[in-house]
Amino acid sequence: MILHTIIDINEVFLKPQESTKTELHSISHGVVQTVRDEKGCRVCSLFSTDLKDYLNPRYEPGSYFQE
């Protein structure tokens, strides 16, 4: 098998040590992916069809999401 990738071979074949459970929250034009910690839901990713959502500080990665 030949594998053509720019990702390190160890990242491809090694299993992740601990998987974090993510939560998806619906917003008006898409979805916000968050991870829950002791302070609340921290934003990981944003998937939206509205480009203005990507400029909104509420959905900035690392910020805490409030519905």
PDB file of N, CA and C in Angstrom:
ATOM      1  N   MET A   1       0.844  -1.172   0.000  1.00  0.00           N
ATOM      2  CA  MET A   1       0.000   0.000   0.000  1.00  0.00           C
ATOM      3  C   MET A   1       0.892   1.237   0.000  1.00  0.00           C
ATOM      4  N   ILE A   2       0.576   2.164  -0.871  1.00  0.00           N
ATOM      5  CA  ILE A   2       1.300   3.424  -0.936  1.00  0.00           C
ATOM      6  C   ILE A   2       0.374   4.511  -0.396  1.00  0.00           C
ATOM      7  N   LEU A   3       0.919   5.308   0.504  1.00  0.00           N
ATOM      8  CA  LEU A   3       0.142   6.379   1.117  1.00  0.00           C
ATOM      9  C   LEU A   3       0.821   7.705   0.818  1.00  0.00           C
ATOM     10  N   HIS A   4       0.156   8.543   0.021  1.00  0.00           N
ATOM     11  CA  HIS A   4       0.689   9.861  -0.319  1.00  0.00           C
ATOM     12  C   HIS A   4      -0.004  10.895   0.562  1.00  0.00           C
ATOM     13  N   THR A   5       0.725  11.457   1.508  1.00  0.00           N
ATOM     14  CA  THR A   5       0.143  12.434   2.421  1.00  0.00           C
ATOM     15  C   THR A   5       1.223  13.364   2.951  1.00  0.00           C
ATOM     16  N   ILE A   6       0.809  14.549   3.352  1.00  0.00           N
ATOM     17  CA  ILE A   6       1.745  15.495   3.969  1.00  0.00           C
ATOM     18  C   ILE A   6       1.728  15.353   5.486  1.00  0.00           C
ATOM     19  N   ILE A   7       0.830  14.511   6.000  1.00  0.00           N
ATOM     20  CA  ILE A   7       0.716  14.290   7.441  1.00  0.00           C
ATOM     21  C   ILE A   7       1.783  13.291   7.886  1.00  0.00           C
ATOM     22  N   ASP A   8       2.354  13.530   9.046  1.00  0.00           N
ATOM     23  CA  ASP A   8       3.360  12.645   9.609  1.00  0.00           C
ATOM     24  C   ASP A   8       2.818  11.222   9.732  1.00  0.00           C
ATOM     25  N   ILE A   9       3.615  10.242   9.406  1.00  0.00           N
ATOM     26  CA  ILE A   9       3.200   8.833   9.419  1.00  0.00           C
ATOM     27  C   ILE A   9       2.709   8.402  10.805  1.00  0.00           C
ATOM     28  N   ASN A  10       3.290   8.970  11.860  1.00  0.00           N
ATOM     29  CA  ASN A  10       2.855   8.627  13.216  1.00  0.00           C
ATOM     30  C   ASN A  10       1.452   9.132  13.512  1.00  0.00           C
ATOM     31  N   GLU A  11       1.105  10.283  12.957  1.00  0.00           N
ATOM     32  CA  GLU A  11      -0.239  10.818  13.158  1.00  0.00           C
ATOM     33  C   GLU A  11      -1.280  10.017  12.397  1.00  0.00           C
ATOM     34  N   VAL A  12      -0.883   9.433  11.286  1.00  0.00           N
ATOM     35  CA  VAL A  12      -1.817   8.657  10.479  1.00  0.00           C
ATOM     36  C   VAL A  12      -2.151   7.336  11.145  1.00  0.00           C
ATOM     37  N   PHE A  13      -1.144   6.632  11.663  1.00  0.00           N
ATOM     38  CA  PHE A  13      -1.357   5.270  12.135  1.00  0.00           C
ATOM     39  C   PHE A  13      -1.486   5.113  13.644  1.00  0.00           C
ATOM     40  N   LEU A  14      -1.097   6.100  14.427  1.00  0.00           N
ATOM     41  CA  LEU A  14      -1.240   5.981  15.871  1.00  0.00           C
ATOM     42  C   LEU A  14      -2.641   6.364  16.304  1.00  0.00           C
ATOM     43  N   LYS A  15      -3.152   5.683  17.301  1.00  0.00           N
ATOM     44  CA  LYS A  15      -4.466   5.990  17.834  1.00  0.00           C
ATOM     45  C   LYS A  15      -4.349   7.196  18.771  1.00  0.00           C
ATOM     46  N   PRO A  16      -5.365   8.042  18.791  1.00  0.00           N
ATOM     47  CA  PRO A  16      -5.321   9.158  19.743  1.00  0.00           C
ATOM     48  C   PRO A  16      -5.371   8.638  21.167  1.00  0.00           C
ATOM     49  N   GLN A  17      -4.654   9.306  22.063  1.00  0.00           N
ATOM     50  CA  GLN A  17      -4.576   8.840  23.442  1.00  0.00           C
ATOM     51  C   GLN A  17      -5.902   9.012  24.164  1.00  0.00           C
ATOM     52  N   GLU A  18      -6.502  10.152  24.018  1.00  0.00           N
ATOM     53  CA  GLU A  18      -7.770  10.394  24.690  1.00  0.00           C
ATOM     54  C   GLU A  18      -8.657  11.212  23.765  1.00  0.00           C
ATOM     55  N   SER A  19      -9.830  10.703  23.501  1.00  0.00           N
ATOM     56  CA  SER A  19     -10.723  11.443  22.623  1.00  0.00           C
ATOM     57  C   SER A  19     -11.604  12.366  23.458  1.00  0.00           C
ATOM     58  N   THR A  20     -11.706  13.581  23.021  1.00  0.00           N
ATOM     59  CA  THR A  20     -12.564  14.531  23.715  1.00  0.00           C
ATOM     60  C   THR A  20     -13.913  14.539  23.019  1.00  0.00           C
ATOM     61  N   LYS A  21     -14.953  14.597  23.799  1.00  0.00           N
ATOM     62  CA  LYS A  21     -16.287  14.616  23.224  1.00  0.00           C
ATOM     63  C   LYS A  21     -16.650  16.043  22.855  1.00  0.00           C
ATOM     64  N   THR A  22     -17.054  16.209  21.628  1.00  0.00           N
ATOM     65  CA  THR A  22     -17.453  17.522  21.157  1.00  0.00           C
ATOM     66  C   THR A  22     -18.967  17.607  21.093  1.00  0.00           C
ATOM     67  N   GLU A  23     -19.457  18.814  21.168  1.00  0.00           N
ATOM     68  CA  GLU A  23     -20.886  19.076  21.068  1.00  0.00           C
ATOM     69  C   GLU A  23     -21.122  20.011  19.891  1.00  0.00           C
ATOM     70  N   LEU A  24     -22.228  19.823  19.202  1.00  0.00           N
ATOM     71  CA  LEU A  24     -22.598  20.681  18.090  1.00  0.00           C
ATOM     72  C   LEU A  24     -23.790  21.531  18.497  1.00  0.00           C
ATOM     73  N   HIS A  25     -23.688  22.838  18.243  1.00  0.00           N
ATOM     74  CA  HIS A  25     -24.758  23.773  18.573  1.00  0.00           C
ATOM     75  C   HIS A  25     -25.209  24.458  17.287  1.00  0.00           C
ATOM     76  N   SER A  26     -26.503  24.427  17.024  1.00  0.00           N
ATOM     77  CA  SER A  26     -27.043  25.068  15.823  1.00  0.00           C
ATOM     78  C   SER A  26     -27.093  26.579  16.002  1.00  0.00           C
ATOM     79  N   ILE A  27     -26.692  27.284  14.949  1.00  0.00           N
ATOM     80  CA  ILE A  27     -26.853  28.730  14.891  1.00  0.00           C
ATOM     81  C   ILE A  27     -27.652  29.028  13.630  1.00  0.00           C
ATOM     82  N   SER A  28     -27.948  30.286  13.376  1.00  0.00           N
ATOM     83  CA  SER A  28     -28.857  30.629  12.279  1.00  0.00           C
ATOM     84  C   SER A  28     -28.384  30.155  10.906  1.00  0.00           C
ATOM     85  N   HIS A  29     -27.094  30.165  10.641  1.00  0.00           N
ATOM     86  CA  HIS A  29     -26.595  29.788   9.313  1.00  0.00           C
ATOM     87  C   HIS A  29     -25.640  28.604   9.330  1.00  0.00           C
ATOM     88  N   GLY A  30     -25.582  27.856  10.435  1.00  0.00           N
ATOM     89  CA  GLY A  30     -24.647  26.741  10.475  1.00  0.00           C
ATOM     90  C   GLY A  30     -24.570  26.085  11.831  1.00  0.00           C
ATOM     91  N   VAL A  31     -23.348  25.652  12.179  1.00  0.00           N
ATOM     92  CA  VAL A  31     -23.122  24.871  13.392  1.00  0.00           C
ATOM     93  C   VAL A  31     -21.824  25.325  14.050  1.00  0.00           C
ATOM     94  N   VAL A  32     -21.827  25.371  15.393  1.00  0.00           N
ATOM     95  CA  VAL A  32     -20.625  25.648  16.171  1.00  0.00           C
ATOM     96  C   VAL A  32     -20.241  24.371  16.898  1.00  0.00           C
ATOM     97  N   GLN A  33     -18.993  23.948  16.755  1.00  0.00           N
ATOM     98  CA  GLN A  33     -18.488  22.753  17.433  1.00  0.00           C
ATOM     99  C   GLN A  33     -17.753  23.203  18.694  1.00  0.00           C
ATOM    100  N   THR A  34     -18.128  22.611  19.847  1.00  0.00           N
ATOM    101  CA  THR A  34     -17.538  23.011  21.123  1.00  0.00           C
ATOM    102  C   THR A  34     -17.042  21.797  21.903  1.00  0.00           C
ATOM    103  N   VAL A  35     -16.179  22.077  22.888  1.00  0.00           N
ATOM    104  CA  VAL A  35     -15.712  21.077  23.841  1.00  0.00           C
ATOM    105  C   VAL A  35     -16.066  21.583  25.230  1.00  0.00           C
ATOM    106  N   ARG A  36     -16.641  20.729  26.041  1.00  0.00           N
ATOM    107  CA  ARG A  36     -17.049  21.136  27.385  1.00  0.00           C
ATOM    108  C   ARG A  36     -15.874  20.990  28.357  1.00  0.00           C
ATOM    109  N   ASP A  37     -15.639  22.038  29.158  1.00  0.00           N
ATOM    110  CA  ASP A  37     -14.650  21.980  30.227  1.00  0.00           C
ATOM    111  C   ASP A  37     -15.291  22.513  31.501  1.00  0.00           C
ATOM    112  N   GLU A  38     -14.478  22.782  32.517  1.00  0.00           N
ATOM    113  CA  GLU A  38     -15.038  23.186  33.818  1.00  0.00           C
ATOM    114  C   GLU A  38     -15.737  24.547  33.774  1.00  0.00           C
ATOM    115  N   LYS A  39     -15.394  25.393  32.814  1.00  0.00           N
ATOM    116  CA  LYS A  39     -15.993  26.726  32.736  1.00  0.00           C
ATOM    117  C   LYS A  39     -17.204  26.790  31.805  1.00  0.00           C
ATOM    118  N   GLY A  40     -17.357  25.813  30.930  1.00  0.00           N
ATOM    119  CA  GLY A  40     -18.475  25.828  29.987  1.00  0.00           C
ATOM    120  C   GLY A  40     -18.082  25.197  28.674  1.00  0.00           C
ATOM    121  N   CYS A  41     -18.725  25.628  27.602  1.00  0.00           N
ATOM    122  CA  CYS A  41     -18.461  25.104  26.261  1.00  0.00           C
ATOM    123  C   CYS A  41     -17.505  26.037  25.528  1.00  0.00           C
ATOM    124  N   ARG A  42     -16.331  25.521  25.177  1.00  0.00           N
ATOM    125  CA  ARG A  42     -15.307  26.302  24.479  1.00  0.00           C
ATOM    126  C   ARG A  42     -15.398  26.017  22.982  1.00  0.00           C
ATOM    127  N   VAL A  43     -15.406  27.043  22.167  1.00  0.00           N
ATOM    128  CA  VAL A  43     -15.549  26.911  20.717  1.00  0.00           C
ATOM    129  C   VAL A  43     -14.296  26.296  20.113  1.00  0.00           C
ATOM    130  N   CYS A  44     -14.509  25.268  19.283  1.00  0.00           N
ATOM    131  CA  CYS A  44     -13.405  24.635  18.544  1.00  0.00           C
ATOM    132  C   CYS A  44     -13.458  25.004  17.065  1.00  0.00           C
ATOM    133  N   SER A  45     -14.651  24.875  16.482  1.00  0.00           N
ATOM    134  CA  SER A  45     -14.801  25.101  15.044  1.00  0.00           C
ATOM    135  C   SER A  45     -16.135  25.769  14.751  1.00  0.00           C
ATOM    136  N   LEU A  46     -16.180  26.412  13.607  1.00  0.00           N
ATOM    137  CA  LEU A  46     -17.401  27.030  13.119  1.00  0.00           C
ATOM    138  C   LEU A  46     -17.626  26.574  11.692  1.00  0.00           C
ATOM    139  N   PHE A  47     -18.841  26.135  11.403  1.00  0.00           N
ATOM    140  CA  PHE A  47     -19.235  25.745  10.054  1.00  0.00           C
ATOM    141  C   PHE A  47     -20.467  26.578   9.713  1.00  0.00           C
ATOM    142  N   SER A  48     -20.318  27.555   8.818  1.00  0.00           N
ATOM    143  CA  SER A  48     -21.410  28.474   8.525  1.00  0.00           C
ATOM    144  C   SER A  48     -21.402  28.856   7.051  1.00  0.00           C
ATOM    145  N   THR A  49     -22.597  29.144   6.531  1.00  0.00           N
ATOM    146  CA  THR A  49     -22.706  29.639   5.160  1.00  0.00           C
ATOM    147  C   THR A  49     -22.670  31.164   5.114  1.00  0.00           C
ATOM    148  N   ASP A  50     -22.766  31.813   6.262  1.00  0.00           N
ATOM    149  CA  ASP A  50     -22.713  33.270   6.345  1.00  0.00           C
ATOM    150  C   ASP A  50     -21.295  33.708   6.725  1.00  0.00           C
ATOM    151  N   LEU A  51     -20.647  34.430   5.835  1.00  0.00           N
ATOM    152  CA  LEU A  51     -19.260  34.839   6.068  1.00  0.00           C
ATOM    153  C   LEU A  51     -19.119  35.769   7.263  1.00  0.00           C
ATOM    154  N   LYS A  52     -20.176  36.493   7.617  1.00  0.00           N
ATOM    155  CA  LYS A  52     -20.119  37.405   8.767  1.00  0.00           C
ATOM    156  C   LYS A  52     -19.949  36.641  10.081  1.00  0.00           C
ATOM    157  N   ASP A  53     -20.417  35.398  10.114  1.00  0.00           N
ATOM    158  CA  ASP A  53     -20.257  34.587  11.328  1.00  0.00           C
ATOM    159  C   ASP A  53     -18.789  34.370  11.670  1.00  0.00           C
ATOM    160  N   TYR A  54     -17.939  34.285  10.657  1.00  0.00           N
ATOM    161  CA  TYR A  54     -16.510  34.049  10.898  1.00  0.00           C
ATOM    162  C   TYR A  54     -15.820  35.275  11.503  1.00  0.00           C
ATOM    163  N   LEU A  55     -16.445  36.447  11.397  1.00  0.00           N
ATOM    164  CA  LEU A  55     -15.893  37.664  11.997  1.00  0.00           C
ATOM    165  C   LEU A  55     -16.504  37.950  13.365  1.00  0.00           C
ATOM    166  N   ASN A  56     -17.506  37.192  13.754  1.00  0.00           N
ATOM    167  CA  ASN A  56     -18.192  37.396  15.027  1.00  0.00           C
ATOM    168  C   ASN A  56     -17.330  36.857  16.170  1.00  0.00           C
ATOM    169  N   PRO A  57     -16.983  37.697  17.157  1.00  0.00           N
ATOM    170  CA  PRO A  57     -16.139  37.234  18.267  1.00  0.00           C
ATOM    171  C   PRO A  57     -16.798  36.158  19.135  1.00  0.00           C
ATOM    172  N   ARG A  58     -18.131  36.020  19.066  1.00  0.00           N
ATOM    173  CA  ARG A  58     -18.825  34.965  19.825  1.00  0.00           C
ATOM    174  C   ARG A  58     -18.387  33.568  19.376  1.00  0.00           C
ATOM    175  N   TYR A  59     -18.028  33.449  18.097  1.00  0.00           N
ATOM    176  CA  TYR A  59     -17.684  32.135  17.539  1.00  0.00           C
ATOM    177  C   TYR A  59     -16.183  31.951  17.350  1.00  0.00           C
ATOM    178  N   GLU A  60     -15.388  32.815  17.942  1.00  0.00           N
ATOM    179  CA  GLU A  60     -13.933  32.739  17.818  1.00  0.00           C
ATOM    180  C   GLU A  60     -13.405  31.498  18.554  1.00  0.00           C
ATOM    181  N   PRO A  61     -12.548  30.697  17.916  1.00  0.00           N
ATOM    182  CA  PRO A  61     -12.006  29.512  18.583  1.00  0.00           C
ATOM    183  C   PRO A  61     -11.318  29.885  19.893  1.00  0.00           C
ATOM    184  N   GLY A  62     -11.644  29.148  20.951  1.00  0.00           N
ATOM    185  CA  GLY A  62     -11.084  29.406  22.268  1.00  0.00           C
ATOM    186  C   GLY A  62     -12.018  30.202  23.170  1.00  0.00           C
ATOM    187  N   SER A  63     -12.994  30.898  22.562  1.00  0.00           N
ATOM    188  CA  SER A  63     -13.939  31.646  23.384  1.00  0.00           C
ATOM    189  C   SER A  63     -15.025  30.703  23.902  1.00  0.00           C
ATOM    190  N   TYR A  64     -15.735  31.136  24.910  1.00  0.00           N
ATOM    191  CA  TYR A  64     -16.785  30.298  25.490  1.00  0.00           C
ATOM    192  C   TYR A  64     -18.111  30.619  24.826  1.00  0.00           C
ATOM    193  N   PHE A  65     -18.772  29.572  24.354  1.00  0.00           N
ATOM    194  CA  PHE A  65     -20.011  29.701  23.611  1.00  0.00           C
ATOM    195  C   PHE A  65     -21.183  29.841  24.555  1.00  0.00           C
ATOM    196  N   GLN A  66     -22.024  30.839  24.276  1.00  0.00           N
ATOM    197  CA  GLN A  66     -23.251  31.035  25.043  1.00  0.00           C
ATOM    198  C   GLN A  66     -24.403  31.081  24.066  1.00  0.00           C
ATOM    199  N   GLU A  67     -25.389  30.216  24.290  1.00  0.00           N
ATOM    200  CA  GLU A  67     -26.537  30.155  23.373  1.00  0.00           C
ATOM    201  C   GLU A  67     -27.474  31.305  23.585  1.00  0.00           C
TER     202      GLU A  67
END
